[in-house]
C-alpha atoms as a PDB file:
ATOM      1  CA  MET A   1      91.161  99.409  88.617  1.00  0.00           C
ATOM      2  CA  LYS A   2      93.435 102.410  89.121  1.00  0.00           C
ATOM      3  CA  PRO A   3      96.324 102.165  86.661  1.00  0.00           C
ATOM      4  CA  ILE A   4      99.967 102.917  87.262  1.00  0.00           C
ATOM      5  CA  TYR A   5     101.352 105.174  84.531  1.00  0.00           C
ATOM      6  CA  ILE A   6     105.052 105.240  83.715  1.00  0.00           C
ATOM      7  CA  ILE A   7     106.253 108.245  81.728  1.00  0.00           C
ATOM      8  CA  GLY A   8     109.636 107.276  80.377  1.00  0.00           C
ATOM      9  CA  SER A   9     112.270 107.354  77.665  1.00  0.00           C
ATOM     10  CA  ASN A  10     115.841 106.232  77.111  1.00  0.00           C
ATOM     11  CA  LYS A  11     117.235 109.730  77.682  1.00  0.00           C
ATOM     12  CA  GLY A  12     116.597 113.065  79.342  1.00  0.00           C
ATOM     13  CA  GLY A  13     115.552 116.300  77.698  1.00  0.00           C
ATOM     14  CA  VAL A  14     112.713 114.863  75.620  1.00  0.00           C
ATOM     15  CA  GLY A  15     109.815 116.314  77.621  1.00  0.00           C
ATOM     16  CA  LYS A  16     108.962 113.600  80.162  1.00  0.00           C
ATOM     17  CA  SER A  17     108.431 116.025  83.035  1.00  0.00           C
ATOM     18  CA  LEU A  18     106.166 118.268  80.971  1.00  0.00           C
ATOM     19  CA  LEU A  19     104.132 115.251  79.878  1.00  0.00           C
ATOM     20  CA  THR A  20     103.902 114.087  83.499  1.00  0.00           C
ATOM     21  CA  MET A  21     102.589 117.508  84.501  1.00  0.00           C
ATOM     22  CA  ALA A  22     100.085 117.464  81.637  1.00  0.00           C
ATOM     23  CA  ILE A  23      98.763 114.119  82.873  1.00  0.00           C
ATOM     24  CA  LEU A  24      98.466 115.409  86.442  1.00  0.00           C
ATOM     25  CA  ASP A  25      96.656 118.484  85.112  1.00  0.00           C
ATOM     26  CA  TYR A  26      94.259 116.224  83.215  1.00  0.00           C
ATOM     27  CA  PHE A  27      93.419 114.060  86.209  1.00  0.00           C
ATOM     28  CA  SER A  28      93.003 117.133  88.415  1.00  0.00           C
ATOM     29  CA  LYS A  29      90.462 118.526  85.960  1.00  0.00           C
ATOM     30  CA  ASN A  30      88.615 115.206  86.091  1.00  0.00           C
ATOM     31  CA  GLU A  31      88.750 115.117  89.905  1.00  0.00           C
ATOM     32  CA  GLN A  32      90.876 111.981  90.049  1.00  0.00           C
ATOM     33  CA  SER A  33      93.263 111.517  92.978  1.00  0.00           C
ATOM     34  CA  CYS A  34      96.899 110.933  92.046  1.00  0.00           C
ATOM     35  CA  PHE A  35     100.061 109.746  93.772  1.00  0.00           C
ATOM     36  CA  LEU A  36     103.310 111.003  92.238  1.00  0.00           C
ATOM     37  CA  VAL A  37     106.488 108.939  92.123  1.00  0.00           C
ATOM     38  CA  GLU A  38     109.780 110.668  91.373  1.00  0.00           C
ATOM     39  CA  THR A  39     112.760 108.458  90.574  1.00  0.00           C
ATOM     40  CA  GLU A  40     115.648 110.888  91.102  1.00  0.00           C
ATOM     41  CA  SER A  41     115.883 112.828  94.368  1.00  0.00           C
ATOM     42  CA  ARG A  42     117.998 115.590  92.805  1.00  0.00           C
ATOM     43  CA  LEU A  43     115.647 116.269  89.898  1.00  0.00           C
ATOM     44  CA  MET A  44     112.172 116.446  91.368  1.00  0.00           C
ATOM     45  CA  ASP A  45     110.905 119.181  89.055  1.00  0.00           C
ATOM     46  CA  VAL A  46     107.385 117.753  88.855  1.00  0.00           C
ATOM     47  CA  HIS A  47     107.089 117.423  92.628  1.00  0.00           C
ATOM     48  CA  ARG A  48     108.229 121.012  93.102  1.00  0.00           C
ATOM     49  CA  SER A  49     105.227 122.139  91.066  1.00  0.00           C
ATOM     50  CA  TYR A  50     102.772 119.599  92.522  1.00  0.00           C
ATOM     51  CA  ARG A  51     103.817 119.707  96.166  1.00  0.00           C
ATOM     52  CA  HIS A  52     100.223 119.254  97.296  1.00  0.00           C
ATOM     53  CA  LEU A  53     100.150 115.677  95.979  1.00  0.00           C
ATOM     54  CA  PRO A  54     101.236 112.672  98.030  1.00  0.00           C
ATOM     55  CA  PHE A  55     104.510 111.406  96.628  1.00  0.00           C
ATOM     56  CA  ALA A  56     107.477 109.119  97.080  1.00  0.00           C
ATOM     57  CA  VAL A  57     110.981 108.875  95.693  1.00  0.00           C
ATOM     58  CA  LEU A  58     111.778 105.359  94.498  1.00  0.00           C
ATOM     59  CA  ASP A  59     115.022 104.105  93.018  1.00  0.00           C
ATOM     60  CA  LEU A  60     113.460 101.859  90.404  1.00  0.00           C
ATOM     61  CA  SER A  61     116.879 100.717  89.228  1.00  0.00           C
ATOM     62  CA  SER A  62     116.986  98.535  92.357  1.00  0.00           C
ATOM     63  CA  GLU A  63     114.949  95.505  93.369  1.00  0.00           C
ATOM     64  CA  SER A  64     113.800  97.261  96.538  1.00  0.00           C
ATOM     65  CA  GLY A  65     112.574 100.203  94.473  1.00  0.00           C
ATOM     66  CA  ALA A  66     110.574  97.928  92.196  1.00  0.00           C
ATOM     67  CA  SER A  67     109.086  96.226  95.247  1.00  0.00           C
ATOM     68  CA  GLY A  68     108.307  99.656  96.666  1.00  0.00           C
ATOM     69  CA  LEU A  69     106.227 100.462  93.593  1.00  0.00           C
ATOM     70  CA  ILE A  70     104.253  97.256  94.109  1.00  0.00           C
ATOM     71  CA  ASP A  71     103.694  98.215  97.732  1.00  0.00           C
ATOM     72  CA  LEU A  72     102.397 101.612  96.659  1.00  0.00           C
ATOM     73  CA  GLY A  73      99.997  99.865  94.316  1.00  0.00           C
ATOM     74  CA  PHE A  74      98.645  97.899  97.248  1.00  0.00           C
ATOM     75  CA  GLY A  75      98.741 100.691  99.818  1.00  0.00           C
ATOM     76  CA  HIS A  76      97.072 103.364  97.667  1.00  0.00           C
ATOM     77  CA  PRO A  77      94.167 101.651  95.883  1.00  0.00           C
ATOM     78  CA  ASN A  78      92.175 104.876  95.526  1.00  0.00           C
ATOM     79  CA  GLU A  79      94.903 106.854  93.774  1.00  0.00           C
ATOM     80  CA  ILE A  80      96.259 106.755  90.248  1.00  0.00           C
ATOM     81  CA  ILE A  81     100.027 106.371  90.487  1.00  0.00           C
ATOM     82  CA  ILE A  82     102.076 108.499  88.096  1.00  0.00           C
ATOM     83  CA  VAL A  83     105.777 107.638  87.728  1.00  0.00           C
ATOM     84  CA  ASN A  84     108.142 110.260  86.301  1.00  0.00           C
ATOM     85  CA  ALA A  85     110.843 107.808  85.242  1.00  0.00           C
ATOM     86  CA  THR A  86     114.474 108.640  84.505  1.00  0.00           C
ATOM     87  CA  ALA A  87     116.411 106.695  81.882  1.00  0.00           C
ATOM     88  CA  VAL A  88     118.231 104.783  84.631  1.00  0.00           C
ATOM     89  CA  SER A  89     114.958 103.819  86.311  1.00  0.00           C
ATOM     90  CA  ILE A  90     113.631 102.571  82.970  1.00  0.00           C
ATOM     91  CA  GLU A  91     116.537 100.111  82.907  1.00  0.00           C
ATOM     92  CA  GLY A  92     115.431  98.895  86.330  1.00  0.00           C
ATOM     93  CA  ILE A  93     111.818  98.568  85.219  1.00  0.00           C
ATOM     94  CA  GLU A  94     113.025  96.410  82.334  1.00  0.00           C
ATOM     95  CA  LYS A  95     115.157  94.297  84.666  1.00  0.00           C
ATOM     96  CA  TYR A  96     112.321  93.660  87.119  1.00  0.00           C
ATOM     97  CA  SER A  97     109.526  93.778  84.531  1.00  0.00           C
ATOM     98  CA  GLN A  98     108.088  90.334  85.152  1.00  0.00           C
ATOM     99  CA  HIS A  99     108.063  90.880  88.905  1.00  0.00           C
ATOM    100  CA  LEU A 100     106.247  94.187  88.427  1.00  0.00           C
ATOM    101  CA  ILE A 101     103.775  92.971  85.816  1.00  0.00           C
ATOM    102  CA  THR A 102     102.878  89.791  87.713  1.00  0.00           C
ATOM    103  CA  GLU A 103     102.337  91.427  91.090  1.00  0.00           C
ATOM    104  CA  LEU A 104     100.584  94.547  89.810  1.00  0.00           C
ATOM    105  CA  SER A 105      98.290  92.422  87.668  1.00  0.00           C
ATOM    106  CA  ALA A 106      97.360  90.450  90.775  1.00  0.00           C
ATOM    107  CA  LEU A 107      96.539  93.763  92.448  1.00  0.00           C
ATOM    108  CA  ASP A 108      94.351  94.697  89.468  1.00  0.00           C
ATOM    109  CA  ARG A 109      96.649  97.672  88.818  1.00  0.00           C
ATOM    110  CA  PRO A 110      97.328  97.869  85.062  1.00  0.00           C
ATOM    111  CA  LEU A 111     100.824  99.077  84.179  1.00  0.00           C
ATOM    112  CA  ILE A 112     100.688 101.582  81.306  1.00  0.00           C
ATOM    113  CA  THR A 113     103.720 103.283  79.766  1.00  0.00           C
ATOM    114  CA  LEU A 114     103.895 106.514  77.778  1.00  0.00           C
ATOM    115  CA  TRP A 115     107.270 106.408  76.046  1.00  0.00           C
ATOM    116  CA  VAL A 116     108.524 109.751  74.745  1.00  0.00           C
ATOM    117  CA  ILE A 117     110.576 109.418  71.563  1.00  0.00           C
ATOM    118  CA  ASP A 118     112.795 111.813  69.666  1.00  0.00           C
ATOM    119  CA  ARG A 119     113.827 111.536  66.026  1.00  0.00           C
ATOM    120  CA  LEU A 120     116.943 109.411  66.593  1.00  0.00           C
ATOM    121  CA  THR A 121     117.003 105.680  65.916  1.00  0.00           C
ATOM    122  CA  SER A 122     118.552 105.061  69.350  1.00  0.00           C
ATOM    123  CA  SER A 123     115.222 106.079  70.873  1.00  0.00           C
ATOM    124  CA  LEU A 124     113.435 103.436  68.808  1.00  0.00           C
ATOM    125  CA  ASP A 125     116.020 100.756  69.598  1.00  0.00           C
ATOM    126  CA  SER A 126     115.491 101.354  73.309  1.00  0.00           C
ATOM    127  CA  LEU A 127     111.713 101.348  72.888  1.00  0.00           C
ATOM    128  CA  SER A 128     111.879  98.061  70.985  1.00  0.00           C
ATOM    129  CA  ALA A 129     113.887  96.467  73.794  1.00  0.00           C
ATOM    130  CA  TYR A 130     111.427  97.850  76.353  1.00  0.00           C
ATOM    131  CA  ILE A 131     108.266  96.445  74.763  1.00  0.00           C
ATOM    132  CA  LYS A 132     109.883  93.027  74.412  1.00  0.00           C
ATOM    133  CA  VAL A 133     110.243  92.688  78.178  1.00  0.00           C
ATOM    134  CA  MET A 134     106.988  94.477  79.035  1.00  0.00           C
ATOM    135  CA  GLY A 135     104.708  91.938  77.390  1.00  0.00           C
ATOM    136  CA  GLY A 136     101.224  92.026  78.875  1.00  0.00           C
ATOM    137  CA  SER A 137     101.324  95.758  79.586  1.00  0.00           C
ATOM    138  CA  THR A 138     100.205  98.638  77.385  1.00  0.00           C
ATOM    139  CA  VAL A 139     102.782 100.954  75.826  1.00  0.00           C
ATOM    140  CA  HIS A 140     101.851 104.200  74.059  1.00  0.00           C
ATOM    141  CA  VAL A 141     104.337 106.299  72.101  1.00  0.00           C
ATOM    142  CA  ALA A 142     104.390 110.046  72.742  1.00  0.00           C
ATOM    143  CA  ILE A 143     105.682 112.232  69.902  1.00  0.00           C
ATOM    144  CA  ASN A 144     106.717 115.674  71.100  1.00  0.00           C
ATOM    145  CA  ASN A 145     106.118 118.290  68.397  1.00  0.00           C
ATOM    146  CA  TYR A 146     108.883 120.354  69.997  1.00  0.00           C
ATOM    147  CA  PHE A 147     111.253 118.209  67.926  1.00  0.00           C
ATOM    148  CA  GLY A 148     109.265 118.785  64.745  1.00  0.00           C
ATOM    149  CA  ASP A 149     106.025 117.806  63.076  1.00  0.00           C
ATOM    150  CA  GLU A 150     105.157 114.113  63.288  1.00  0.00           C
ATOM    151  CA  ASN A 151     106.140 113.732  59.631  1.00  0.00           C
ATOM    152  CA  TYR A 152     109.738 114.467  60.641  1.00  0.00           C
ATOM    153  CA  PHE A 153     109.789 111.314  62.753  1.00  0.00           C
ATOM    154  CA  HIS A 154     110.563 109.231  59.665  1.00  0.00           C
ATOM    155  CA  ALA A 155     112.338 106.426  61.495  1.00  0.00           C
ATOM    156  CA  TYR A 156     109.288 105.733  63.659  1.00  0.00           C
ATOM    157  CA  GLN A 157     106.546 106.452  61.129  1.00  0.00           C
ATOM    158  CA  ASN A 158     107.988 103.963  58.628  1.00  0.00           C
ATOM    159  CA  SER A 159     108.899 101.249  61.113  1.00  0.00           C
ATOM    160  CA  SER A 160     107.470  97.872  62.031  1.00  0.00           C
ATOM    161  CA  LEU A 161     107.805  99.092  65.616  1.00  0.00           C
ATOM    162  CA  LYS A 162     104.936 101.520  65.031  1.00  0.00           C
ATOM    163  CA  VAL A 163     102.787  98.614  63.847  1.00  0.00           C
ATOM    164  CA  SER A 164     103.636  96.696  67.027  1.00  0.00           C
ATOM    165  CA  ILE A 165     102.853  99.694  69.230  1.00  0.00           C
ATOM    166  CA  GLU A 166      99.507 100.390  67.581  1.00  0.00           C
ATOM    167  CA  ALA A 167      98.465  96.743  67.895  1.00  0.00           C
ATOM    168  CA  GLN A 168      98.093  97.294  71.645  1.00  0.00           C
ATOM    169  CA  GLY A 169      98.498 101.040  72.211  1.00  0.00           C
ATOM    170  CA  LYS A 170      98.562 104.307  70.310  1.00  0.00           C
ATOM    171  CA  SER A 171     100.939 106.805  68.752  1.00  0.00           C
ATOM    172  CA  LEU A 172     100.141 110.139  70.410  1.00  0.00           C
ATOM    173  CA  VAL A 173     101.253 113.495  69.027  1.00  0.00           C
ATOM    174  CA  PHE A 174     101.627 116.218  71.663  1.00  0.00           C
ATOM    175  CA  PRO A 175     101.578 119.895  70.674  1.00  0.00           C
ATOM    176  CA  THR A 176     104.458 122.262  71.324  1.00  0.00           C
ATOM    177  CA  LEU A 177     104.104 124.611  74.280  1.00  0.00           C
ATOM    178  CA  ASN A 178     105.425 128.161  74.055  1.00  0.00           C
ATOM    179  CA  SER A 179     108.838 128.296  75.787  1.00  0.00           C
ATOM    180  CA  TYR A 180     107.968 131.407  77.817  1.00  0.00           C
ATOM    181  CA  ILE A 181     104.860 129.706  79.180  1.00  0.00           C
ATOM    182  CA  CYS A 182     106.712 126.500  79.952  1.00  0.00           C
ATOM    183  CA  ASP A 183     109.404 128.424  81.825  1.00  0.00           C
ATOM    184  CA  LYS A 184     106.712 130.120  83.891  1.00  0.00           C
ATOM    185  CA  PHE A 185     105.544 127.029  85.721  1.00  0.00           C
ATOM    186  CA  PHE A 186     108.917 125.282  85.876  1.00  0.00           C
ATOM    187  CA  ASN A 187     110.809 128.355  87.143  1.00  0.00           C
ATOM    188  CA  ASN A 188     108.014 129.380  89.514  1.00  0.00           C
ATOM    189  CA  SER A 189     107.315 125.798  90.642  1.00  0.00           C
ATOM    190  CA  SER A 190     103.603 126.201  89.998  1.00  0.00           C
ATOM    191  CA  THR A 191     101.028 123.781  88.671  1.00  0.00           C
ATOM    192  CA  ILE A 192      99.851 124.210  85.110  1.00  0.00           C
ATOM    193  CA  GLU A 193      96.449 125.355  86.333  1.00  0.00           C
ATOM    194  CA  ASP A 194      97.911 127.927  88.722  1.00  0.00           C
ATOM    195  CA  ALA A 195     100.268 129.210  86.036  1.00  0.00           C
ATOM    196  CA  ALA A 196      97.320 129.786  83.718  1.00  0.00           C
ATOM    197  CA  THR A 197      95.491 131.781  86.376  1.00  0.00           C
ATOM    198  CA  GLY A 198      98.365 134.224  86.835  1.00  0.00           C
ATOM    199  CA  MET A 199      99.169 134.874  83.172  1.00  0.00           C
ATOM    200  CA  LEU A 200      98.277 137.721  80.884  1.00  0.00           C
ATOM    201  CA  LEU A 201      95.294 136.995  78.673  1.00  0.00           C
ATOM    202  CA  GLY A 202      97.254 136.186  75.515  1.00  0.00           C
ATOM    203  CA  TYR A 203      99.578 133.686  77.160  1.00  0.00           C
ATOM    204  CA  ARG A 204      96.727 132.235  79.204  1.00  0.00           C
ATOM    205  CA  SER A 205      94.799 131.618  75.989  1.00  0.00           C
ATOM    206  CA  LEU A 206      97.801 129.823  74.472  1.00  0.00           C
ATOM    207  CA  LEU A 207      98.290 127.674  77.568  1.00  0.00           C
ATOM    208  CA  ASN A 208      94.619 126.752  77.867  1.00  0.00           C
ATOM    209  CA  GLY A 209      94.565 125.853  74.183  1.00  0.00           C
ATOM    210  CA  TRP A 210      97.533 123.534  74.750  1.00  0.00           C
ATOM    211  CA  ARG A 211      95.824 122.013  77.782  1.00  0.00           C
ATOM    212  CA  LYS A 212      92.663 121.282  75.804  1.00  0.00           C
ATOM    213  CA  LYS A 213      94.657 119.533  73.092  1.00  0.00           C
ATOM    214  CA  CYS A 214      96.499 117.421  75.664  1.00  0.00           C
ATOM    215  CA  HIS A 215      93.274 116.555  77.480  1.00  0.00           C
ATOM    216  CA  ALA A 216      91.690 115.464  74.199  1.00  0.00           C
ATOM    217  CA  ILE A 217      94.651 113.148  73.603  1.00  0.00           C
ATOM    218  CA  PHE A 218      94.244 111.598  77.045  1.00  0.00           C
ATOM    219  CA  ASP A 219      90.515 111.223  76.432  1.00  0.00           C
ATOM    220  CA  SER A 220      91.355 109.286  73.263  1.00  0.00           C
ATOM    221  CA  ILE A 221      93.045 106.570  75.302  1.00  0.00           C
ATOM    222  CA  ALA A 222      90.254 106.498  77.878  1.00  0.00           C
ATOM    223  CA  PHE A 223      92.375 107.667  80.795  1.00  0.00           C
ATOM    224  CA  VAL A 224      89.438 108.427  83.076  1.00  0.00           C
ATOM    225  CA  ASN A 225      87.311 105.436  82.131  1.00  0.00           C
ATOM    226  CA  SER A 226      90.205 103.079  82.836  1.00  0.00           C
ATOM    227  CA  SER A 227      90.605 104.553  86.307  1.00  0.00           C
ATOM    228  CA  GLN A 228      87.173 104.031  87.822  1.00  0.00           C
ATOM    229  CA  HIS A 229      86.963 100.601  89.449  1.00  0.00           C
ATOM    230  CA  VAL A 230      88.855 100.148  92.698  1.00  0.00           C
ATOM    231  CA  ARG A 231      89.314  96.897  94.599  1.00  0.00           C
ATOM    232  CA  SER A 232      89.620  97.187  98.353  1.00  0.00           C
ATOM    233  CA  ARG A 233      92.585  95.827 100.293  1.00  0.00           C
ATOM    234  CA  GLN A 234      90.269  93.166 101.691  1.00  0.00           C
ATOM    235  CA  GLU A 235      89.326  92.027  98.187  1.00  0.00           C
ATOM    236  CA  ILE A 236      92.973  91.863  97.188  1.00  0.00           C
ATOM    237  CA  LEU A 237      94.059  89.922 100.265  1.00  0.00           C
ATOM    238  CA  ALA A 238      91.123  87.535  99.819  1.00  0.00           C
ATOM    239  CA  THR A 239      92.677  86.353  96.558  1.00  0.00           C
ATOM    240  CA  GLY A 240      95.633  84.957  98.486  1.00  0.00           C
ATOM    241  CA  ILE A 241      98.195  86.540  96.180  1.00  0.00           C
ATOM    242  CA  SER A 242     101.827  86.854  97.176  1.00  0.00           C
ATOM    243  CA  ILE A 243     102.958  90.449  97.507  1.00  0.00           C
ATOM    244  CA  SER A 244     106.642  91.199  97.937  1.00  0.00           C
ATOM    245  CA  ARG A 245     106.521  93.222 101.149  1.00  0.00           C
ATOM    246  CA  LEU A 246     102.921  93.891 102.122  1.00  0.00           C
ATOM    247  CA  GLN A 247     103.806  94.624 105.711  1.00  0.00           C
ATOM    248  CA  ALA A 248     106.280  97.285 104.564  1.00  0.00           C
ATOM    249  CA  VAL A 249     103.661  99.481 102.933  1.00  0.00           C
ATOM    250  CA  ASP A 250     103.441 101.845 105.859  1.00  0.00           C
ATOM    251  CA  ALA A 251     107.218 101.845 106.326  1.00  0.00           C
ATOM    252  CA  ILE A 252     107.980 103.605 103.051  1.00  0.00           C
ATOM    253  CA  GLU A 253     109.294 107.039 103.908  1.00  0.00           C
ATOM    254  CA  PHE A 254     107.800 109.926 102.003  1.00  0.00           C
ATOM    255  CA  PRO A 255     109.781 113.181 101.958  1.00  0.00           C
ATOM    256  CA  ASN A 256     108.149 116.227 103.421  1.00  0.00           C
ATOM    257  CA  SER A 257     106.884 118.734 100.862  1.00  0.00           C
END
């Protein structure tokens, strides 16, 4: 049962790419194989740092893109799929949510979302709309301390939406990362682990401290334990389920790194 993780929000600039990289760093530490999905060919900042990973670019705002994600779920049963989702692709995921949830459930590939919020009510309105159409899948909320301590997120902390989220997922508070350190691996297109290796001791200590905090958060939602069981293609096909384009799995074109 290798999940598919969607890291998303209703807008850019909230820290989705950094969170995606933190998740990849976590799974690398735990020796879990990952497959990266970028959803915007012009903004592949995570892929530039994690070029060694298999990856695809999918336009999830389209029906073919949504079907492509299902095909990846079937074609890569041994890899955890991590989707760095743009705001536009989130709209597509909402539009084709039932198609995705039904088919991925049949593949025994849980669909799990980490939704990054900011302090504006528009972020919560979009999240509320998202969870309404994503029934049957787990949604966690990610609070980025870059925008202030969790107590500053008044709109979310005092909302019924938080109650709904925590009935099936968790509210996760991610620590702020020093801007100089963050620039290091984005500007140099290096993985978080490689960036730590090449830093001066003081900055390396700060980065490794941030990594440990992030890893502890992922441990709290049992990331590794939920990614152990894998069904073979033969087991999946034996169920007789209907997959959108099974024969097209090998036809998906993956850009060269």
